[in-house]
């Protein structure tokens, strides 16, 4: 796994917190946990400046033009460097 995909952050008590770095709409998003729901991914992306809204539809980029939709209540395992796309709900792409 590349150093860009997982960061270790030291807190005041020097314990390590691993962050998973994913991409949402071509922007890096640091996730504090390895598992997250679709809504948690969108909330983290919005908090980190990605220009999306909570009612957007989230897709996991599977490569070669394939995308899997991720429901708001669906918990998935995240992998560093994964790509996601969030689009308005009325987008039929």
C-alpha atoms as a PDB file:
ATOM      1  CA  UNK A   1       0.000   0.000   0.000  1.00  0.00           C
ATOM      2  CA  UNK A   2       1.442   3.394  -0.900  1.00  0.00           C
ATOM      3  CA  UNK A   3       2.180   6.062   1.689  1.00  0.00           C
ATOM      4  CA  UNK A   4      -0.460   8.200   0.000  1.00  0.00           C
ATOM      5  CA  UNK A   5      -3.140   5.619   0.684  1.00  0.00           C
ATOM      6  CA  UNK A   6      -2.700   5.265   4.461  1.00  0.00           C
ATOM      7  CA  UNK A   7      -1.515   7.977   6.803  1.00  0.00           C
ATOM      8  CA  UNK A   8      -0.567   7.610  10.442  1.00  0.00           C
ATOM      9  CA  UNK A   9      -1.396  10.563  12.641  1.00  0.00           C
ATOM     10  CA  UNK A  10       0.035  11.136  16.107  1.00  0.00           C
ATOM     11  CA  UNK A  11      -2.305  12.527  18.725  1.00  0.00           C
ATOM     12  CA  UNK A  12      -1.337  14.282  21.962  1.00  0.00           C
ATOM     13  CA  UNK A  13      -0.895  10.946  23.717  1.00  0.00           C
ATOM     14  CA  UNK A  14       1.274   9.696  20.808  1.00  0.00           C
ATOM     15  CA  UNK A  15      -1.072   6.865  19.859  1.00  0.00           C
ATOM     16  CA  UNK A  16      -1.376   6.119  16.172  1.00  0.00           C
ATOM     17  CA  UNK A  17      -4.565   6.658  14.244  1.00  0.00           C
ATOM     18  CA  UNK A  18      -4.612   5.172  10.758  1.00  0.00           C
ATOM     19  CA  UNK A  19      -6.505   7.085   8.112  1.00  0.00           C
ATOM     20  CA  UNK A  20      -7.568   5.540   4.849  1.00  0.00           C
ATOM     21  CA  UNK A  21      -7.174   7.966   1.937  1.00  0.00           C
ATOM     22  CA  UNK A  22      -9.779   7.520  -0.786  1.00  0.00           C
ATOM     23  CA  UNK A  23     -10.775   9.769  -3.667  1.00  0.00           C
ATOM     24  CA  UNK A  24     -14.251  11.228  -4.103  1.00  0.00           C
ATOM     25  CA  UNK A  25     -14.843  13.130  -7.346  1.00  0.00           C
ATOM     26  CA  UNK A  26     -11.072  13.295  -7.934  1.00  0.00           C
ATOM     27  CA  UNK A  27     -10.338  14.843  -4.505  1.00  0.00           C
ATOM     28  CA  UNK A  28      -8.563  13.047  -1.643  1.00  0.00           C
ATOM     29  CA  UNK A  29     -10.696  12.264   1.409  1.00  0.00           C
ATOM     30  CA  UNK A  30      -9.243  10.931   4.682  1.00  0.00           C
ATOM     31  CA  UNK A  31     -11.439   8.319   6.325  1.00  0.00           C
ATOM     32  CA  UNK A  32     -10.801   7.506  10.006  1.00  0.00           C
ATOM     33  CA  UNK A  33     -12.041   3.910   9.812  1.00  0.00           C
ATOM     34  CA  UNK A  34     -11.591   1.009   7.403  1.00  0.00           C
ATOM     35  CA  UNK A  35     -15.385   0.460   7.245  1.00  0.00           C
ATOM     36  CA  UNK A  36     -17.895   3.198   6.400  1.00  0.00           C
ATOM     37  CA  UNK A  37     -21.414   3.601   5.079  1.00  0.00           C
ATOM     38  CA  UNK A  38     -22.221   5.497   1.925  1.00  0.00           C
ATOM     39  CA  UNK A  39     -23.568   8.426   3.945  1.00  0.00           C
ATOM     40  CA  UNK A  40     -20.401   8.491   6.098  1.00  0.00           C
ATOM     41  CA  UNK A  41     -18.246   8.688   2.982  1.00  0.00           C
ATOM     42  CA  UNK A  42     -20.332  11.570   1.615  1.00  0.00           C
ATOM     43  CA  UNK A  43     -20.288  13.365   4.991  1.00  0.00           C
ATOM     44  CA  UNK A  44     -16.495  13.062   5.220  1.00  0.00           C
ATOM     45  CA  UNK A  45     -16.087  14.253   1.635  1.00  0.00           C
ATOM     46  CA  UNK A  46     -18.306  17.301   2.229  1.00  0.00           C
ATOM     47  CA  UNK A  47     -16.469  18.122   5.480  1.00  0.00           C
ATOM     48  CA  UNK A  48     -13.174  18.007   3.552  1.00  0.00           C
ATOM     49  CA  UNK A  49     -14.318  20.362   0.804  1.00  0.00           C
ATOM     50  CA  UNK A  50     -15.642  18.065  -1.918  1.00  0.00           C
ATOM     51  CA  UNK A  51     -18.472  19.888  -3.711  1.00  0.00           C
ATOM     52  CA  UNK A  52     -21.243  17.290  -3.340  1.00  0.00           C
ATOM     53  CA  UNK A  53     -24.484  17.011  -1.386  1.00  0.00           C
ATOM     54  CA  UNK A  54     -25.797  14.293   0.908  1.00  0.00           C
ATOM     55  CA  UNK A  55     -28.579  13.375  -1.523  1.00  0.00           C
ATOM     56  CA  UNK A  56     -26.081  12.580  -4.306  1.00  0.00           C
ATOM     57  CA  UNK A  57     -25.734   8.950  -5.399  1.00  0.00           C
ATOM     58  CA  UNK A  58     -22.368   7.420  -4.490  1.00  0.00           C
ATOM     59  CA  UNK A  59     -20.591   4.975  -6.774  1.00  0.00           C
ATOM     60  CA  UNK A  60     -17.432   2.907  -6.244  1.00  0.00           C
ATOM     61  CA  UNK A  61     -15.216   2.993  -9.340  1.00  0.00           C
ATOM     62  CA  UNK A  62     -14.432  -0.616 -10.279  1.00  0.00           C
ATOM     63  CA  UNK A  63     -12.238   0.359 -13.236  1.00  0.00           C
ATOM     64  CA  UNK A  64     -12.743  -0.107 -16.974  1.00  0.00           C
ATOM     65  CA  UNK A  65     -15.873   2.079 -16.864  1.00  0.00           C
ATOM     66  CA  UNK A  66     -17.642  -0.087 -14.270  1.00  0.00           C
ATOM     67  CA  UNK A  67     -19.239   1.492 -11.202  1.00  0.00           C
ATOM     68  CA  UNK A  68     -21.112  -0.049  -8.283  1.00  0.00           C
ATOM     69  CA  UNK A  69     -23.687   2.074  -6.447  1.00  0.00           C
ATOM     70  CA  UNK A  70     -23.227   2.358  -2.678  1.00  0.00           C
ATOM     71  CA  UNK A  71     -26.427   2.902  -0.674  1.00  0.00           C
ATOM     72  CA  UNK A  72     -26.389   5.426   2.174  1.00  0.00           C
ATOM     73  CA  UNK A  73     -26.949   2.640   4.736  1.00  0.00           C
ATOM     74  CA  UNK A  74     -24.561   0.148   3.113  1.00  0.00           C
ATOM     75  CA  UNK A  75     -21.368  -0.453   5.103  1.00  0.00           C
ATOM     76  CA  UNK A  76     -18.347  -1.264   2.956  1.00  0.00           C
ATOM     77  CA  UNK A  77     -14.680  -1.963   3.524  1.00  0.00           C
ATOM     78  CA  UNK A  78     -12.433   0.824   2.284  1.00  0.00           C
ATOM     79  CA  UNK A  79      -9.052   0.364   0.669  1.00  0.00           C
ATOM     80  CA  UNK A  80      -6.504   3.141   0.351  1.00  0.00           C
ATOM     81  CA  UNK A  81      -6.485   4.723  -3.079  1.00  0.00           C
ATOM     82  CA  UNK A  82     -10.021   3.623  -3.973  1.00  0.00           C
ATOM     83  CA  UNK A  83     -12.000   5.964  -6.188  1.00  0.00           C
ATOM     84  CA  UNK A  84     -15.594   7.006  -5.659  1.00  0.00           C
ATOM     85  CA  UNK A  85     -17.923   9.277  -7.598  1.00  0.00           C
ATOM     86  CA  UNK A  86     -20.904  11.148  -6.202  1.00  0.00           C
ATOM     87  CA  UNK A  87     -23.440  12.489  -8.680  1.00  0.00           C
ATOM     88  CA  UNK A  88     -26.839  14.174  -8.377  1.00  0.00           C
ATOM     89  CA  UNK A  89     -29.658  11.646  -7.985  1.00  0.00           C
ATOM     90  CA  UNK A  90     -31.268  12.569 -11.294  1.00  0.00           C
ATOM     91  CA  UNK A  91     -28.060  11.795 -13.233  1.00  0.00           C
ATOM     92  CA  UNK A  92     -28.708   8.725 -15.396  1.00  0.00           C
ATOM     93  CA  UNK A  93     -25.066   8.079 -16.282  1.00  0.00           C
END
